[in-house]
């Protein structure tokens, strides 16, 4: 995962910014949107753990 740094917009909204290798902004998202997508997306370890607990219950 790319390293994200936090910033504030002129209106005070928290932002996440991703920079490329040259230091230029690659992507800027609001914290609310980025955090929501992080919550919806499962990591590989979470998915694997869920499968093993489902097998144990059977």
C-alpha atoms as a PDB file:
ATOM      1  CA  UNK A   1       0.000   0.000   0.000  1.00  0.00           C
ATOM      2  CA  UNK A   2       1.217   3.468  -0.813  1.00  0.00           C
ATOM      3  CA  UNK A   3       2.143   5.691   2.101  1.00  0.00           C
ATOM      4  CA  UNK A   4      -0.471   8.372   2.653  1.00  0.00           C
ATOM      5  CA  UNK A   5       0.134  11.665   4.402  1.00  0.00           C
ATOM      6  CA  UNK A   6      -2.624  13.720   5.955  1.00  0.00           C
ATOM      7  CA  UNK A   7      -3.318  17.345   5.130  1.00  0.00           C
ATOM      8  CA  UNK A   8      -6.145  19.803   5.699  1.00  0.00           C
ATOM      9  CA  UNK A   9      -8.100  21.583   2.991  1.00  0.00           C
ATOM     10  CA  UNK A  10      -8.813  25.298   3.130  1.00  0.00           C
ATOM     11  CA  UNK A  11     -12.241  24.447   4.579  1.00  0.00           C
ATOM     12  CA  UNK A  12     -10.686  22.264   7.286  1.00  0.00           C
ATOM     13  CA  UNK A  13     -11.562  18.872   5.781  1.00  0.00           C
ATOM     14  CA  UNK A  14      -8.992  16.173   6.494  1.00  0.00           C
ATOM     15  CA  UNK A  15      -7.270  14.883   3.330  1.00  0.00           C
ATOM     16  CA  UNK A  16      -5.057  11.949   2.387  1.00  0.00           C
ATOM     17  CA  UNK A  17      -2.358  12.614  -0.211  1.00  0.00           C
ATOM     18  CA  UNK A  18      -0.252  10.043  -2.066  1.00  0.00           C
ATOM     19  CA  UNK A  19       2.947  11.172  -3.765  1.00  0.00           C
ATOM     20  CA  UNK A  20       4.872   9.543  -6.601  1.00  0.00           C
ATOM     21  CA  UNK A  21       8.627   8.866  -6.569  1.00  0.00           C
ATOM     22  CA  UNK A  22       9.379  12.414  -7.704  1.00  0.00           C
ATOM     23  CA  UNK A  23       7.401  13.895  -4.800  1.00  0.00           C
ATOM     24  CA  UNK A  24       4.489  15.184  -6.899  1.00  0.00           C
ATOM     25  CA  UNK A  25       0.937  14.535  -5.788  1.00  0.00           C
ATOM     26  CA  UNK A  26      -0.357  11.354  -7.391  1.00  0.00           C
ATOM     27  CA  UNK A  27      -3.741  11.176  -5.664  1.00  0.00           C
ATOM     28  CA  UNK A  28      -5.639  13.294  -3.139  1.00  0.00           C
ATOM     29  CA  UNK A  29      -8.778  12.015  -1.411  1.00  0.00           C
ATOM     30  CA  UNK A  30     -10.867  13.151   1.489  1.00  0.00           C
ATOM     31  CA  UNK A  31     -10.208  11.178   4.657  1.00  0.00           C
ATOM     32  CA  UNK A  32     -13.897  10.248   4.853  1.00  0.00           C
ATOM     33  CA  UNK A  33     -13.901   8.614   1.384  1.00  0.00           C
ATOM     34  CA  UNK A  34     -10.533   6.888   1.785  1.00  0.00           C
ATOM     35  CA  UNK A  35     -11.360   5.563   5.252  1.00  0.00           C
ATOM     36  CA  UNK A  36     -14.737   4.261   4.050  1.00  0.00           C
ATOM     37  CA  UNK A  37     -13.078   2.284   1.267  1.00  0.00           C
ATOM     38  CA  UNK A  38     -10.482   0.920   3.693  1.00  0.00           C
ATOM     39  CA  UNK A  39     -13.267  -0.367   5.935  1.00  0.00           C
ATOM     40  CA  UNK A  40     -15.159  -1.990   3.037  1.00  0.00           C
ATOM     41  CA  UNK A  41     -12.051  -3.713   1.636  1.00  0.00           C
ATOM     42  CA  UNK A  42     -10.809  -6.850   3.414  1.00  0.00           C
ATOM     43  CA  UNK A  43      -7.119  -7.643   3.725  1.00  0.00           C
ATOM     44  CA  UNK A  44      -5.709 -10.996   2.617  1.00  0.00           C
ATOM     45  CA  UNK A  45      -5.135 -12.087   6.221  1.00  0.00           C
ATOM     46  CA  UNK A  46      -8.694 -11.178   7.250  1.00  0.00           C
ATOM     47  CA  UNK A  47     -10.102 -13.196   4.352  1.00  0.00           C
ATOM     48  CA  UNK A  48      -7.923 -16.210   5.176  1.00  0.00           C
ATOM     49  CA  UNK A  49      -8.822 -16.052   8.879  1.00  0.00           C
ATOM     50  CA  UNK A  50     -12.532 -15.926   8.059  1.00  0.00           C
ATOM     51  CA  UNK A  51     -12.237 -19.027   5.840  1.00  0.00           C
ATOM     52  CA  UNK A  52     -10.413 -21.036   8.533  1.00  0.00           C
ATOM     53  CA  UNK A  53     -12.977 -20.169  11.220  1.00  0.00           C
ATOM     54  CA  UNK A  54     -15.806 -21.128   8.852  1.00  0.00           C
ATOM     55  CA  UNK A  55     -14.173 -24.531   8.253  1.00  0.00           C
ATOM     56  CA  UNK A  56     -13.725 -25.106  12.005  1.00  0.00           C
ATOM     57  CA  UNK A  57     -17.424 -24.441  12.644  1.00  0.00           C
ATOM     58  CA  UNK A  58     -18.447 -27.194  10.184  1.00  0.00           C
END
